[in-house]
Amino acid sequence: MKFKKDKIGLQIWITFFSKPFFEIWLEQATPEIKDWFQREIVYLKKNIKPNSKILDVGCGFGRHIKILAEFSKEVVGIDNNKDMIQKAKQNLSGLNNVRLLLRDAQKLEFEDNYFDYVICMDNTFGQISDKLKTLKEMKRVTKEEGEVMISVCSEKALQYRIEDCKKLGLTITKIEAGKIYTKEGLISEQFTKQQLKNLFDYVGLKVKIIELNPISYLCEAIK
């Protein structure tokens, strides 16, 4: 998530992304949201091969990296906010196969065909402004026969997303075609299978769309 840096938005952002608060929110999330996040972890453990090189786009404080680092050759986490990267470094200190970098997902500063897997979880993709540009970059840095894995909210997730905004104290100003806008600057989107297929088709990625649970999709694209 990314908030405008006005005084109110900044304070909510700082409070929300402190590790203890985020973990409390995960505990208080609706059963559907918690089930989705758990299924993400199960999926990654089952489908990512050991000794791989992985890029986590929008890594936050490193929730997925901590798990993947146990069996991967290298895990690189990027986030576009320096405070998140700092928290991730604190959370993942001591892991020698992890790199954490302040980077923009729309301009990945990595060589072509470097990673075995590029992942983007927790509907981070739904908060990226230029999705096509980001997908093209993900494809570029993924090896031939490598995979791009993106987890997003489905078209059935709207009521749960609204509940989460209320729990966070955010003020919704507009909901349009499944996209939520808040006074604090958060813009968050959900997707249909067809919307996802169109995005992946446009950048030349063959995608398989899996329903992780009734409110989420996991996109598995092979380069």
Protein backbone atom coordinates (compact mmCIF):
# COMPACT_ATOMS: atom_id res chain seq x y z
CA MET A 1 0.00 0.00 0.00
CA LYS A 2 1.08 3.54 -0.60
CA PHE A 3 -0.41 6.67 0.91
CA LYS A 4 -0.07 10.29 -0.06
CA LYS A 5 2.36 11.96 2.28
CA ASP A 6 -0.07 14.45 3.79
CA LYS A 7 -0.03 14.66 7.59
CA ILE A 8 -3.02 12.37 8.17
CA GLY A 9 -2.05 9.83 5.52
CA LEU A 10 1.55 9.70 6.71
CA GLN A 11 0.54 9.06 10.32
CA ILE A 12 -1.85 6.24 9.32
CA TRP A 13 0.84 4.77 7.08
CA ILE A 14 3.45 4.81 9.86
CA THR A 15 1.03 3.30 12.38
CA PHE A 16 -0.30 0.63 10.05
CA PHE A 17 3.06 -0.57 8.80
CA SER A 18 4.67 -0.88 12.19
CA LYS A 19 5.20 -4.62 12.45
CA PRO A 20 3.16 -5.21 15.64
CA PHE A 21 0.16 -3.28 14.30
CA PHE A 22 0.23 -5.12 10.98
CA GLU A 23 0.33 -8.46 12.76
CA ILE A 24 -2.60 -7.42 14.97
CA TRP A 25 -4.52 -6.42 11.85
CA LEU A 26 -3.81 -9.82 10.29
CA GLU A 27 -5.27 -11.43 13.41
CA GLN A 28 -8.37 -9.23 13.24
CA ALA A 29 -8.91 -9.56 9.50
CA THR A 30 -12.02 -11.31 8.24
CA PRO A 31 -11.74 -15.13 8.03
CA GLU A 32 -11.76 -14.87 4.24
CA ILE A 33 -8.78 -12.51 4.19
CA LYS A 34 -6.81 -14.63 6.67
CA ASP A 35 -7.60 -17.76 4.67
CA TRP A 36 -6.35 -16.06 1.50
CA PHE A 37 -3.04 -15.03 3.09
CA GLN A 38 -2.49 -18.52 4.47
CA ARG A 39 -3.22 -20.10 1.09
CA GLU A 40 -0.64 -17.80 -0.49
CA ILE A 41 2.02 -19.21 1.81
CA VAL A 42 0.97 -22.81 1.18
CA TYR A 43 1.03 -22.16 -2.57
CA LEU A 44 4.52 -20.62 -2.54
CA LYS A 45 5.97 -23.46 -0.47
CA LYS A 46 4.46 -26.04 -2.79
CA ASN A 47 5.24 -24.42 -6.15
CA ILE A 48 8.61 -22.70 -5.78
CA LYS A 49 11.50 -25.07 -6.38
CA PRO A 50 14.38 -25.21 -3.90
CA ASN A 51 17.61 -23.34 -4.65
CA SER A 52 15.86 -20.74 -6.80
CA LYS A 53 16.46 -17.02 -7.24
CA ILE A 54 13.32 -15.08 -6.28
CA LEU A 55 12.24 -11.44 -6.52
CA ASP A 56 9.48 -10.29 -4.14
CA VAL A 57 7.88 -7.13 -5.53
CA GLY A 58 6.31 -5.03 -2.76
CA CYS A 59 7.93 -7.12 -0.04
CA GLY A 60 6.68 -5.01 2.88
CA PHE A 61 8.42 -6.10 6.08
CA GLY A 62 9.38 -9.46 4.56
CA ARG A 63 6.59 -11.81 5.61
CA HIS A 64 7.01 -14.05 2.55
CA ILE A 65 10.77 -13.63 2.26
CA LYS A 66 11.31 -15.08 5.71
CA ILE A 67 9.65 -18.31 4.59
CA LEU A 68 11.19 -18.49 1.11
CA ALA A 69 14.72 -17.84 2.35
CA GLU A 70 14.67 -21.19 4.17
CA PHE A 71 14.93 -23.14 0.91
CA SER A 72 16.01 -20.64 -1.78
CA LYS A 73 19.40 -19.70 -3.19
CA GLU A 74 18.67 -15.98 -3.18
CA VAL A 75 15.65 -13.83 -2.33
CA VAL A 76 15.57 -10.16 -3.28
CA GLY A 77 12.86 -7.98 -1.79
CA ILE A 78 11.98 -4.58 -3.18
CA ASP A 79 9.60 -1.92 -1.91
CA ASN A 80 9.12 1.70 -2.91
CA ASN A 81 9.14 2.97 0.66
CA LYS A 82 12.35 3.27 2.64
CA ASP A 83 10.60 2.73 5.99
CA MET A 84 9.30 -0.65 4.84
CA ILE A 85 12.74 -1.67 3.63
CA GLN A 86 14.20 -0.65 6.99
CA LYS A 87 11.63 -2.73 8.85
CA ALA A 88 12.31 -5.67 6.53
CA LYS A 89 16.04 -5.42 7.26
CA GLN A 90 15.34 -5.54 10.98
CA ASN A 91 12.96 -8.46 10.58
CA LEU A 92 15.26 -10.47 8.32
CA SER A 93 18.64 -9.69 9.86
CA GLY A 94 21.01 -12.64 9.82
CA LEU A 95 19.69 -14.16 6.57
CA ASN A 96 22.71 -14.21 4.27
CA ASN A 97 20.76 -15.13 1.12
CA VAL A 98 18.44 -12.10 1.32
CA ARG A 99 18.85 -8.67 -0.27
CA LEU A 100 16.45 -5.79 0.43
CA LEU A 101 16.38 -2.79 -1.87
CA LEU A 102 14.48 0.47 -2.28
CA ARG A 103 13.16 0.12 -5.84
CA ASP A 104 10.25 1.07 -8.09
CA ALA A 105 8.40 -1.96 -9.49
CA GLN A 106 7.83 -0.07 -12.75
CA LYS A 107 11.59 0.19 -13.36
CA LEU A 108 13.35 -2.89 -12.03
CA GLU A 109 17.10 -2.32 -11.91
CA PHE A 110 18.08 -5.93 -12.54
CA GLU A 111 19.58 -7.65 -15.57
CA ASP A 112 17.43 -9.56 -18.03
CA ASN A 113 16.56 -13.21 -17.30
CA TYR A 114 17.95 -13.17 -13.76
CA PHE A 115 15.23 -14.59 -11.50
CA ASP A 116 13.60 -18.02 -11.51
CA TYR A 117 10.49 -16.53 -9.91
CA VAL A 118 9.02 -13.05 -9.51
CA ILE A 119 6.25 -12.85 -6.94
CA CYS A 120 3.84 -10.07 -5.96
CA MET A 121 1.49 -11.01 -3.11
CA ASP A 122 -1.29 -9.57 -0.91
CA ASN A 123 -2.92 -7.55 -3.72
CA THR A 124 0.14 -5.32 -3.99
CA PHE A 125 -0.42 -5.48 -7.74
CA GLY A 126 -3.84 -3.90 -7.21
CA GLN A 127 -2.14 -0.79 -5.80
CA ILE A 128 0.40 -0.30 -8.61
CA SER A 129 -0.45 2.58 -10.95
CA ASP A 130 1.01 1.31 -14.22
CA LYS A 131 0.27 -2.40 -14.23
CA LEU A 132 1.30 -3.11 -17.81
CA LYS A 133 4.68 -1.45 -17.38
CA THR A 134 5.23 -3.41 -14.16
CA LEU A 135 4.28 -6.71 -15.79
CA LYS A 136 6.68 -6.03 -18.66
CA GLU A 137 9.48 -5.42 -16.17
CA MET A 138 8.61 -8.58 -14.24
CA LYS A 139 8.74 -10.54 -17.48
CA ARG A 140 12.06 -9.00 -18.49
CA VAL A 141 13.90 -9.99 -15.31
CA THR A 142 12.44 -13.52 -15.25
CA LYS A 143 14.44 -16.36 -16.83
CA GLU A 144 13.14 -18.25 -19.83
CA GLU A 145 10.76 -20.90 -18.48
CA GLY A 146 10.69 -18.95 -15.21
CA GLU A 147 7.45 -17.88 -13.55
CA VAL A 148 5.69 -14.70 -12.50
CA MET A 149 3.28 -15.24 -9.59
CA ILE A 150 0.80 -12.53 -8.64
CA SER A 151 -1.87 -12.78 -5.95
CA VAL A 152 -4.81 -10.35 -6.12
CA CYS A 153 -8.30 -9.68 -4.81
CA SER A 154 -11.09 -11.07 -6.98
CA GLU A 155 -14.32 -9.35 -7.96
CA LYS A 156 -15.97 -11.00 -4.94
CA ALA A 157 -13.68 -9.27 -2.42
CA LEU A 158 -15.22 -5.79 -2.32
CA GLN A 159 -17.20 -6.05 0.93
CA TYR A 160 -14.18 -7.50 2.75
CA ARG A 161 -11.90 -4.76 1.44
CA ILE A 162 -14.39 -2.14 2.63
CA GLU A 163 -14.43 -3.75 6.10
CA ASP A 164 -10.62 -3.68 6.22
CA CYS A 165 -10.52 0.03 5.32
CA LYS A 166 -12.91 0.74 8.19
CA LYS A 167 -10.78 -1.30 10.62
CA LEU A 168 -7.77 0.78 9.60
CA GLY A 169 -9.65 4.03 10.14
CA LEU A 170 -9.52 4.99 6.47
CA THR A 171 -12.24 7.17 4.94
CA ILE A 172 -13.56 5.84 1.64
CA THR A 173 -14.37 8.68 -0.74
CA LYS A 174 -15.29 6.72 -3.85
CA ILE A 175 -15.79 3.16 -5.10
CA GLU A 176 -15.73 2.81 -8.85
CA ALA A 177 -15.64 -0.48 -10.80
CA GLY A 178 -14.20 -2.26 -7.78
CA LYS A 179 -11.52 0.37 -7.21
CA ILE A 180 -11.50 1.91 -3.73
CA TYR A 181 -10.32 5.48 -3.17
CA THR A 182 -9.73 6.89 0.32
CA LYS A 183 -9.26 10.41 1.69
CA GLU A 184 -5.82 9.37 2.91
CA GLY A 185 -4.65 8.58 -0.62
CA LEU A 186 -4.94 4.80 -0.78
CA ILE A 187 -6.14 3.49 -4.16
CA SER A 188 -6.80 -0.24 -4.32
CA GLU A 189 -8.16 -2.39 -7.15
CA GLN A 190 -9.66 -5.87 -7.57
CA PHE A 191 -9.83 -8.01 -10.72
CA THR A 192 -11.93 -10.39 -12.76
CA LYS A 193 -10.31 -13.36 -14.48
CA GLN A 194 -10.83 -11.69 -17.86
CA GLN A 195 -9.14 -8.47 -16.74
CA LEU A 196 -6.14 -10.46 -15.55
CA LYS A 197 -5.98 -12.53 -18.72
CA ASN A 198 -6.07 -9.37 -20.83
CA LEU A 199 -3.14 -7.87 -18.90
CA PHE A 200 -0.98 -10.96 -19.21
CA ASP A 201 -1.89 -11.51 -22.85
CA TYR A 202 -0.89 -7.95 -23.66
CA VAL A 203 2.67 -8.43 -22.37
CA GLY A 204 3.01 -11.89 -23.92
CA LEU A 205 2.82 -14.07 -20.83
CA LYS A 206 0.87 -17.30 -20.81
CA VAL A 207 -1.13 -17.25 -17.58
CA LYS A 208 -2.98 -19.79 -15.50
CA ILE A 209 -5.44 -18.17 -13.07
CA ILE A 210 -6.19 -20.13 -9.90
CA GLU A 211 -8.91 -19.29 -7.39
CA LEU A 212 -6.99 -19.47 -4.12
CA ASN A 213 -10.19 -18.92 -2.17
CA PRO A 214 -13.57 -17.29 -3.01
CA ILE A 215 -12.15 -13.73 -2.83
CA SER A 216 -8.72 -14.11 -4.42
CA TYR A 217 -6.85 -15.21 -7.54
CA LEU A 218 -3.31 -16.45 -7.99
CA CYS A 219 -1.88 -15.75 -11.44
CA GLU A 220 0.87 -18.14 -12.51
CA ALA A 221 2.55 -16.99 -15.72
CA ILE A 222 5.34 -18.83 -17.51
CA LYS A 223 7.75 -16.79 -19.62
